[in-house]
Each structure stands twice: as structure tokens, then as C-alpha cells.
Amino acid sequence: MRFWLFLFAFFLVILGALSFNLHVFNYFSRIDPVSTAQCTPVSGIPGPEDIDIDRAKGLAFISSQDRRAKDARGAIHVFSLNDPLAAAGFRDRTGGQPEEFRPLGLDYFEDGDVRRLFVVNEAGPSIEIFDIEENGDLTHVETMHERRLMSPNNILVTGPRSFYVTNDARGGREGLIANLSFLFRLGSGEVFFVDDKVWRLEAEGLKFANGLAMSLDQKMLYVAETAGKRIQVYARNPENGALTYAQTISLDAAPDNITTDNDGAVWVGAMPKPLSVPQSMANRNARAASEVVRISPDGEVSTVYRNDGSEISATTVAARSANKLLIGALYDEKFLFCELPNSVD
């Protein structure tokens, strides 16, 4: 009798926790549209998961992967903000290297004559480093990996061979345990700081560690917690890369990749109903809601864009340059190219 009472109580606890988390993830909520931007879809680039912008040259680097096609190789595109119809923006710039390539997060780095692109390669799992040629083509320079990096997601570069990288879930993001960890919002995500060949754990216990961004003065690091629906902010020591917890910024959507604009605002590609995302992968007609959030330098949170998924499904990133905003997605074969009003500042 005690066994059955215990089993019944355990079932009630699990059911209660599941019901609570479905509520937290807005599973039953209605999505009210918001749009402060005029957006045009740009088709021809499948799964534009992350975007970073060289604002001086007006070039957007886009990681691309057709995630519905088994064994399809990913690509990196270089899209011109000043000439959106240029054919060069719709071809892979990696030269086919590395052969196994499933890109996720990326980050552009420039220091003097050095122009590099760092890309998370899910197929490694590894970090791929490319030199950027004058014509925008990418030359593969190096592959970096470490045994603890089982599930890399996003990267933030601090030097020619130094960067932060998120490990979204310590045991990997695939399989039943990983899915249950996300659903029940367990904290196994990590942030590593890499300086040449030294890998150092700087943050842990994160609920699916995802996007990374840094303040303009390089003294604050922002980390997206997708399952936690929040941005964790860390004070950063620029001398050695050490992180110290500073504050938490709560959101009403699950953040993915994050970027910082020239004004110091943080732009967040987010999913208001993240539990609908797997269905949108299995069924092209099933749409996952999308949202773009702006966090001002003083911490004010505002929604710039929200849609039920009919315009773009499962938004993963928002990158701004002046009055241009690019919004990427996980599965769609397009991204949004938007014009922002001056009132957004």
C-alpha cells in the first residue's frame, strides 16, 4: 500500500511540475503581434541560425544549415546590406572546408589587418577559424576542440585565438535526457573561456546556455539562458577573461542568440513558445512564434517584433546596423531584412 501511495504522490509531483513548466513556456498563451519595423523576407538561405555584422563594410555573416535535410553540409554566407540582391550573398564562402560542417553560432573579429570569423561547428563538435579574404571568401585556418565541449552553441571572440563559448547542456542537446532537462529547466549549461590552448570553465549551472554578447567597454558579458527565459549578466575582467555574476534580466520568451549594436543595446532573437519548435521541424506547415527583444544599455526591456510564426518561424537572432535589422530563423529558408524607425534608439 505504501508503495502505491508513494507512486501516486510521485506521479502528482511530476504532473504538477510539467503543468507549471508548460505555463512558464507560454504553451497555452496567445501571441499578440508587435512590429516596429518594416520587414521584407529574403529567400534562398536555409536555416539562417546566427548573424554577425561587419558594420564598417556593411556585410552580414550568416550561418546556414538545412536542418530538415539529413547529412546536408552547412554554409557561411556573406550578405551585403548595401546591395541585398548581389548574387555573391547566396553562395557558400567556405570553399568546402571543413568537409563535415554544421554551423551554429558565429562571431566576426577584426584587429588591424586581421579579419577572422569564428564558427561553432556542431559536427565536430568544434570551433572553426576562418581568415576573411578581401572578396569575402573564407579560408579555413584552424579547428579547435576540447573533450568537455560536447554541445557548443555560441561564441564570442576576444582576440585572434581567444573567445568565450557556450556548452548548452553538459551531456549534449540530443536524446531523451536532454529534452527532459530542457522541459524541466535543469541547469547543466556552461561557459568556457579559451585563451590559445587553455580552456577554463567560467560559468556553470545555466539552463541551456546559448547566445553570447559583450558590452561596448568589454566589461560585461551577457549569456542567454534559453530554458531559463532570461539573460545572465557577468562582470568581466578584461585582463584575464574571468567572470563574476552581476545580475539577471528576465524575459517572457526563450532567448537564443544575442548581439550588441553600436549604441550598446543588446538585441535578442527569442521564441515565445519554444515547445512548439520541434513540431515546426517535423512539419513545414507548423509554425513556431518569433520575437525580437531589445535591452537598452540601462537595462530596459522592450519588444521590437513579435509574430505567430506566419512571417518567420522560430527566430534565433536579431542583428542591427544603423536602421537595418536582420532577423534569422532555425528552419525557414529565409531571413527578414528590416528597416527600423529612429524611435527605436
Protein backbone atom coordinates (compact mmCIF):
# COMPACT_ATOMS: atom_id res chain seq x y z
CA MET A 1 0.00 0.00 0.00
CA ARG A 2 2.81 2.43 0.86
CA PHE A 3 4.44 1.75 -2.49
CA TRP A 4 1.30 2.68 -4.41
CA LEU A 5 0.79 5.81 -2.32
CA PHE A 6 4.39 6.81 -3.00
CA LEU A 7 3.97 6.12 -6.71
CA PHE A 8 0.75 8.16 -6.83
CA ALA A 9 2.39 11.07 -4.99
CA PHE A 10 5.37 10.91 -7.33
CA PHE A 11 3.05 10.98 -10.34
CA LEU A 12 1.27 14.05 -8.95
CA VAL A 13 4.59 15.85 -8.40
CA ILE A 14 5.71 15.12 -11.97
CA LEU A 15 2.33 16.18 -13.37
CA GLY A 16 2.42 19.39 -11.35
CA ALA A 17 5.96 20.20 -12.48
CA LEU A 18 5.04 19.51 -16.11
CA SER A 19 1.95 21.70 -15.90
CA PHE A 20 3.97 24.52 -14.30
CA ASN A 21 6.66 24.37 -16.98
CA LEU A 22 4.12 24.33 -19.81
CA HIS A 23 2.78 27.55 -18.30
CA VAL A 24 6.28 29.02 -17.96
CA PHE A 25 6.96 28.28 -21.64
CA ASN A 26 3.72 30.04 -22.69
CA TYR A 27 2.44 26.80 -24.22
CA PHE A 28 -1.20 27.83 -23.92
CA SER A 29 -0.71 31.57 -24.47
CA ARG A 30 -1.94 33.65 -27.38
CA ILE A 31 0.68 35.52 -29.40
CA ASP A 32 -0.23 39.18 -29.93
CA PRO A 33 1.72 40.62 -32.89
CA VAL A 34 4.13 43.53 -32.47
CA SER A 35 6.11 45.21 -35.24
CA THR A 36 8.01 48.47 -35.03
CA ALA A 37 9.96 47.61 -38.19
CA GLN A 38 9.16 47.25 -41.88
CA CYS A 39 10.40 43.79 -42.83
CA THR A 40 10.99 42.08 -46.18
CA PRO A 41 11.74 38.35 -46.47
CA VAL A 42 14.99 37.38 -48.17
CA SER A 43 14.73 33.82 -49.51
CA GLY A 44 17.42 31.40 -50.61
CA ILE A 45 19.44 30.85 -47.42
CA PRO A 46 18.18 27.82 -45.44
CA GLY A 47 18.26 27.87 -41.65
CA PRO A 48 19.98 31.25 -41.08
CA GLU A 49 20.67 30.48 -37.42
CA ASP A 50 23.17 33.19 -36.47
CA ILE A 51 24.18 36.56 -37.95
CA ASP A 52 27.02 38.95 -37.16
CA ILE A 53 27.71 42.21 -38.97
CA ASP A 54 30.87 43.99 -40.10
CA ARG A 55 29.29 47.43 -39.85
CA ALA A 56 32.22 49.27 -41.44
CA LYS A 57 31.88 47.28 -44.67
CA GLY A 58 28.12 46.70 -44.45
CA LEU A 59 28.48 42.90 -44.57
CA ALA A 60 26.47 40.33 -42.64
CA PHE A 61 27.97 36.89 -41.97
CA ILE A 62 25.22 34.26 -41.84
CA SER A 63 25.49 30.65 -40.64
CA SER A 64 23.24 28.41 -42.71
CA GLN A 65 22.09 24.81 -42.38
CA ASP A 66 19.16 22.91 -43.89
CA ARG A 67 18.26 21.08 -40.70
CA ARG A 68 15.47 19.10 -42.33
CA ALA A 69 17.85 17.51 -44.87
CA LYS A 70 19.80 14.59 -43.44
CA ASP A 71 23.59 14.89 -43.78
CA ALA A 72 23.38 18.23 -45.62
CA ARG A 73 26.54 20.31 -45.26
CA GLY A 74 26.11 23.78 -43.82
CA ALA A 75 27.40 27.06 -45.25
CA ILE A 76 28.51 30.58 -44.40
CA HIS A 77 27.04 33.42 -46.46
CA VAL A 78 28.30 36.98 -46.71
CA PHE A 79 25.31 39.24 -47.37
CA SER A 80 25.67 42.89 -48.41
CA LEU A 81 23.42 45.31 -46.52
CA ASN A 82 24.04 47.87 -49.26
CA ASP A 83 23.36 45.51 -52.18
CA PRO A 84 20.85 42.90 -50.93
CA LEU A 85 20.33 41.35 -54.37
CA ALA A 86 24.02 40.65 -55.03
CA ALA A 87 24.39 37.02 -56.14
CA ALA A 88 27.54 36.56 -54.02
CA GLY A 89 25.42 36.74 -50.88
CA PHE A 90 23.68 33.48 -51.74
CA ARG A 91 26.68 31.18 -52.20
CA ASP A 92 28.75 29.37 -49.59
CA ARG A 93 32.02 31.20 -48.88
CA THR A 94 33.88 28.41 -47.02
CA GLY A 95 35.36 26.65 -50.07
CA GLY A 96 34.02 23.33 -48.78
CA GLN A 97 36.24 23.28 -45.69
CA PRO A 98 35.84 21.61 -43.30
CA GLU A 99 34.02 18.76 -45.04
CA GLU A 100 31.77 17.98 -42.06
CA PHE A 101 30.20 21.30 -41.22
CA ARG A 102 27.01 22.10 -39.33
CA PRO A 103 27.39 25.73 -38.24
CA LEU A 104 25.58 27.32 -35.32
CA GLY A 105 26.85 30.47 -33.61
CA LEU A 106 29.46 32.68 -35.23
CA ASP A 107 31.38 35.86 -34.40
CA TYR A 108 33.31 38.34 -36.50
CA PHE A 109 36.69 39.60 -35.27
CA GLU A 110 38.82 42.44 -36.60
CA ASP A 111 42.07 43.84 -35.23
CA GLY A 112 44.19 45.88 -37.63
CA ASP A 113 44.85 43.78 -40.71
CA VAL A 114 43.46 40.62 -39.05
CA ARG A 115 39.88 39.79 -40.09
CA ARG A 116 38.58 36.44 -38.87
CA LEU A 117 35.33 34.57 -38.49
CA PHE A 118 34.91 32.07 -35.65
CA VAL A 119 32.15 29.48 -36.13
CA VAL A 120 30.70 26.81 -33.85
CA ASN A 121 30.64 23.51 -35.75
CA GLU A 122 28.06 21.13 -34.32
CA ALA A 123 29.53 18.29 -36.43
CA GLY A 124 32.87 18.44 -34.60
CA PRO A 125 31.92 19.39 -32.04
CA SER A 126 34.50 22.12 -32.55
CA ILE A 127 35.31 25.74 -33.25
CA GLU A 128 36.35 26.57 -36.81
CA ILE A 129 38.51 29.64 -37.51
CA PHE A 130 38.48 31.30 -40.94
CA ASP A 131 40.50 34.17 -42.35
CA ILE A 132 38.35 36.58 -44.35
CA GLU A 133 39.71 37.45 -47.78
CA GLU A 134 39.22 40.85 -49.40
CA ASN A 135 36.45 39.49 -51.66
CA GLY A 136 34.58 37.97 -48.70
CA ASP A 137 35.67 34.36 -49.27
CA LEU A 138 36.71 32.40 -46.18
CA THR A 139 39.97 30.46 -45.84
CA HIS A 140 39.90 27.76 -43.17
CA VAL A 141 42.76 28.31 -40.72
CA GLU A 142 42.24 26.02 -37.75
CA THR A 143 39.93 23.66 -35.87
CA MET A 144 39.83 23.91 -32.07
CA HIS A 145 38.14 21.38 -29.79
CA GLU A 146 38.26 20.05 -26.24
CA ARG A 147 36.79 16.92 -24.65
CA ARG A 148 34.48 18.91 -22.35
CA LEU A 149 32.95 20.77 -25.28
CA MET A 150 30.21 18.27 -26.03
CA SER A 151 27.43 20.62 -27.10
CA PRO A 152 28.80 24.00 -28.28
CA ASN A 153 26.23 26.57 -29.28
CA ASN A 154 27.52 30.14 -29.49
CA ILE A 155 30.83 32.01 -29.47
CA LEU A 156 32.13 35.47 -28.57
CA VAL A 157 35.64 36.36 -29.76
CA THR A 158 38.06 38.45 -27.69
CA GLY A 159 41.32 38.00 -29.65
CA PRO A 160 42.96 36.20 -32.62
CA ARG A 161 42.84 32.91 -30.66
CA SER A 162 40.74 33.71 -27.60
CA PHE A 163 36.99 33.50 -27.09
CA TYR A 164 34.06 32.51 -24.89
CA VAL A 165 31.93 29.55 -25.96
CA THR A 166 28.70 28.14 -24.51
CA ASN A 167 28.16 24.44 -23.86
CA ASP A 168 24.35 24.48 -23.85
CA ALA A 169 23.93 21.17 -22.00
CA ARG A 170 26.82 19.27 -20.44
CA GLY A 171 25.69 15.87 -21.71
CA GLY A 172 24.70 17.09 -25.19
CA ARG A 173 21.48 18.50 -26.62
CA GLU A 174 20.21 15.31 -28.28
CA GLY A 175 18.20 12.45 -26.78
CA LEU A 176 15.52 11.95 -24.14
CA ILE A 177 17.56 13.13 -21.17
CA ALA A 178 18.49 16.36 -22.95
CA ASN A 179 14.85 17.02 -23.87
CA LEU A 180 13.67 16.36 -20.32
CA SER A 181 16.42 18.62 -18.97
CA PHE A 182 15.13 21.44 -21.18
CA LEU A 183 11.48 20.78 -20.36
CA PHE A 184 12.10 20.74 -16.61
CA ARG A 185 14.56 23.64 -16.87
CA LEU A 186 17.56 21.90 -15.31
CA GLY A 187 20.85 23.79 -15.16
CA SER A 188 23.73 21.98 -16.84
CA GLY A 189 24.87 24.67 -19.29
CA GLU A 190 28.38 26.12 -19.16
CA VAL A 191 30.52 28.96 -20.45
CA PHE A 192 34.21 28.35 -21.24
CA PHE A 193 36.87 30.98 -21.78
CA VAL A 194 39.55 29.88 -24.22
CA ASP A 195 42.92 31.61 -24.46
CA ASP A 196 45.10 29.93 -27.06
CA LYS A 197 45.31 26.32 -25.80
CA VAL A 198 43.92 26.93 -22.29
CA TRP A 199 40.23 26.14 -21.74
CA ARG A 200 38.80 27.46 -18.46
CA LEU A 201 35.27 26.97 -17.09
CA GLU A 202 33.91 30.42 -16.17
CA ALA A 203 30.18 29.82 -15.56
CA GLU A 204 28.02 26.77 -14.98
CA GLY A 205 24.55 25.72 -13.81
CA LEU A 206 22.89 27.58 -16.70
CA LYS A 207 19.52 26.45 -18.03
CA PHE A 208 20.55 25.71 -21.63
CA ALA A 209 23.39 28.20 -22.19
CA ASN A 210 23.04 29.79 -25.60
CA GLY A 211 23.86 33.21 -27.08
CA LEU A 212 26.74 35.46 -26.01
CA ALA A 213 27.30 39.21 -26.28
CA MET A 214 29.55 41.80 -24.68
CA SER A 215 29.17 45.44 -23.65
CA LEU A 216 30.99 48.09 -25.68
CA ASP A 217 33.57 48.63 -22.93
CA GLN A 218 34.14 44.84 -22.78
CA LYS A 219 33.48 44.82 -19.01
CA MET A 220 30.12 42.99 -19.08
CA LEU A 221 29.26 39.62 -20.66
CA TYR A 222 25.68 38.63 -21.50
CA VAL A 223 24.65 34.96 -21.63
CA ALA A 224 21.27 33.77 -22.90
CA GLU A 225 19.59 31.03 -20.88
CA THR A 226 17.06 29.57 -23.29
CA ALA A 227 15.26 27.30 -20.82
CA GLY A 228 15.56 29.92 -18.09
CA LYS A 229 13.91 32.66 -20.21
CA ARG A 230 16.50 35.18 -19.06
CA ILE A 231 19.82 36.86 -19.76
CA GLN A 232 22.55 36.35 -17.19
CA VAL A 233 24.95 39.28 -16.89
CA TYR A 234 28.52 38.84 -15.68
CA ALA A 235 31.18 41.41 -14.82
CA ARG A 236 34.22 40.61 -16.92
CA ASN A 237 37.88 41.13 -16.14
CA PRO A 238 39.36 42.27 -19.49
CA GLU A 239 42.85 41.25 -18.37
CA ASN A 240 42.21 37.54 -17.84
CA GLY A 241 38.61 36.93 -19.00
CA ALA A 242 37.34 35.96 -15.53
CA LEU A 243 33.59 36.32 -14.95
CA THR A 244 31.67 37.34 -11.82
CA TYR A 245 27.87 37.20 -11.63
CA ALA A 246 26.32 40.69 -11.77
CA GLN A 247 22.56 40.47 -12.45
CA THR A 248 19.70 38.64 -14.18
CA ILE A 249 17.41 40.13 -16.83
CA SER A 250 14.12 38.20 -17.07
CA LEU A 251 12.26 37.82 -20.37
CA ASP A 252 8.86 36.47 -21.42
CA ALA A 253 10.38 34.42 -24.24
CA ALA A 254 13.18 31.88 -24.60
CA PRO A 255 16.30 33.71 -25.84
CA ASP A 256 18.58 32.21 -28.47
CA ASN A 257 21.41 34.25 -29.99
CA ILE A 258 22.14 37.79 -28.82
CA THR A 259 24.09 40.68 -30.34
CA THR A 260 25.22 44.15 -29.28
CA ASP A 261 24.76 47.20 -31.51
CA ASN A 262 26.89 50.33 -31.78
CA ASP A 263 24.79 52.07 -29.13
CA GLY A 264 25.41 49.33 -26.55
CA ALA A 265 21.89 47.87 -26.74
CA VAL A 266 21.52 44.08 -26.68
CA TRP A 267 19.29 42.50 -29.35
CA VAL A 268 17.74 39.12 -28.59
CA GLY A 269 16.32 36.62 -31.04
CA ALA A 270 13.74 34.72 -28.99
CA MET A 271 10.96 32.14 -29.13
CA PRO A 272 7.80 32.96 -27.13
CA LYS A 273 6.60 29.32 -27.29
CA PRO A 274 9.77 27.18 -27.51
CA LEU A 275 7.97 23.85 -27.05
CA SER A 276 6.33 24.30 -30.46
CA VAL A 277 9.72 24.38 -32.21
CA PRO A 278 10.21 20.57 -32.61
CA GLN A 279 6.85 20.30 -34.36
CA SER A 280 7.88 23.01 -36.83
CA MET A 281 10.93 20.95 -37.75
CA ALA A 282 8.89 17.85 -38.47
CA ASN A 283 6.17 19.74 -40.37
CA ARG A 284 6.97 22.67 -42.66
CA ASN A 285 3.41 23.93 -42.27
CA ALA A 286 3.65 24.07 -38.48
CA ARG A 287 4.92 27.47 -37.39
CA ALA A 288 6.71 28.48 -34.18
CA ALA A 289 6.21 32.00 -32.86
CA SER A 290 9.05 34.52 -33.12
CA GLU A 291 10.11 37.55 -31.10
CA VAL A 292 12.87 40.17 -31.08
CA VAL A 293 13.68 41.90 -27.80
CA ARG A 294 15.85 44.96 -27.28
CA ILE A 295 17.61 45.55 -23.95
CA SER A 296 18.76 49.15 -23.65
CA PRO A 297 22.14 50.00 -22.07
CA ASP A 298 20.31 50.89 -18.84
CA GLY A 299 18.52 47.51 -18.77
CA GLU A 300 15.07 48.47 -20.12
CA VAL A 301 13.45 45.54 -21.96
CA SER A 302 11.17 46.19 -24.95
CA THR A 303 9.67 44.00 -27.69
CA VAL A 304 10.54 45.24 -31.18
CA TYR A 305 8.94 42.39 -33.13
CA ARG A 306 6.58 39.51 -32.35
CA ASN A 307 4.73 37.21 -34.73
CA ASP A 308 2.87 33.91 -34.54
CA GLY A 309 5.35 32.37 -36.98
CA SER A 310 3.48 33.13 -40.19
CA GLU A 311 6.13 35.69 -41.24
CA ILE A 312 9.15 33.87 -39.87
CA SER A 313 9.23 30.77 -37.69
CA ALA A 314 11.41 30.13 -34.62
CA THR A 315 13.56 33.26 -34.60
CA THR A 316 17.13 32.67 -33.45
CA VAL A 317 18.92 36.00 -33.88
CA ALA A 318 18.47 39.72 -34.45
CA ALA A 319 21.46 41.80 -35.60
CA ARG A 320 21.31 45.57 -36.06
CA SER A 321 23.39 48.01 -38.09
CA ALA A 322 22.14 51.64 -38.11
CA ASN A 323 18.49 51.44 -39.22
CA LYS A 324 18.84 47.91 -40.62
CA LEU A 325 17.79 44.82 -38.66
CA LEU A 326 18.32 41.22 -39.80
CA ILE A 327 16.19 38.51 -38.18
CA GLY A 328 17.28 34.88 -38.59
CA ALA A 329 15.46 31.59 -38.06
CA LEU A 330 16.10 27.95 -37.25
CA TYR A 331 14.38 26.14 -40.15
CA ASP A 332 12.99 28.67 -42.61
CA GLU A 333 14.76 29.11 -45.95
CA LYS A 334 14.77 32.87 -45.44
CA PHE A 335 15.52 35.69 -43.06
CA LEU A 336 13.89 39.09 -42.57
CA PHE A 337 15.59 42.29 -43.75
CA CYS A 338 14.00 45.12 -41.77
CA GLU A 339 14.03 48.93 -41.64
CA LEU A 340 13.90 50.38 -38.12
CA PRO A 341 12.37 53.74 -37.19
CA ASN A 342 14.53 56.29 -35.39
CA SER A 343 12.33 55.92 -32.30
CA VAL A 344 13.90 52.52 -31.54
CA ASP A 345 17.01 54.22 -30.12
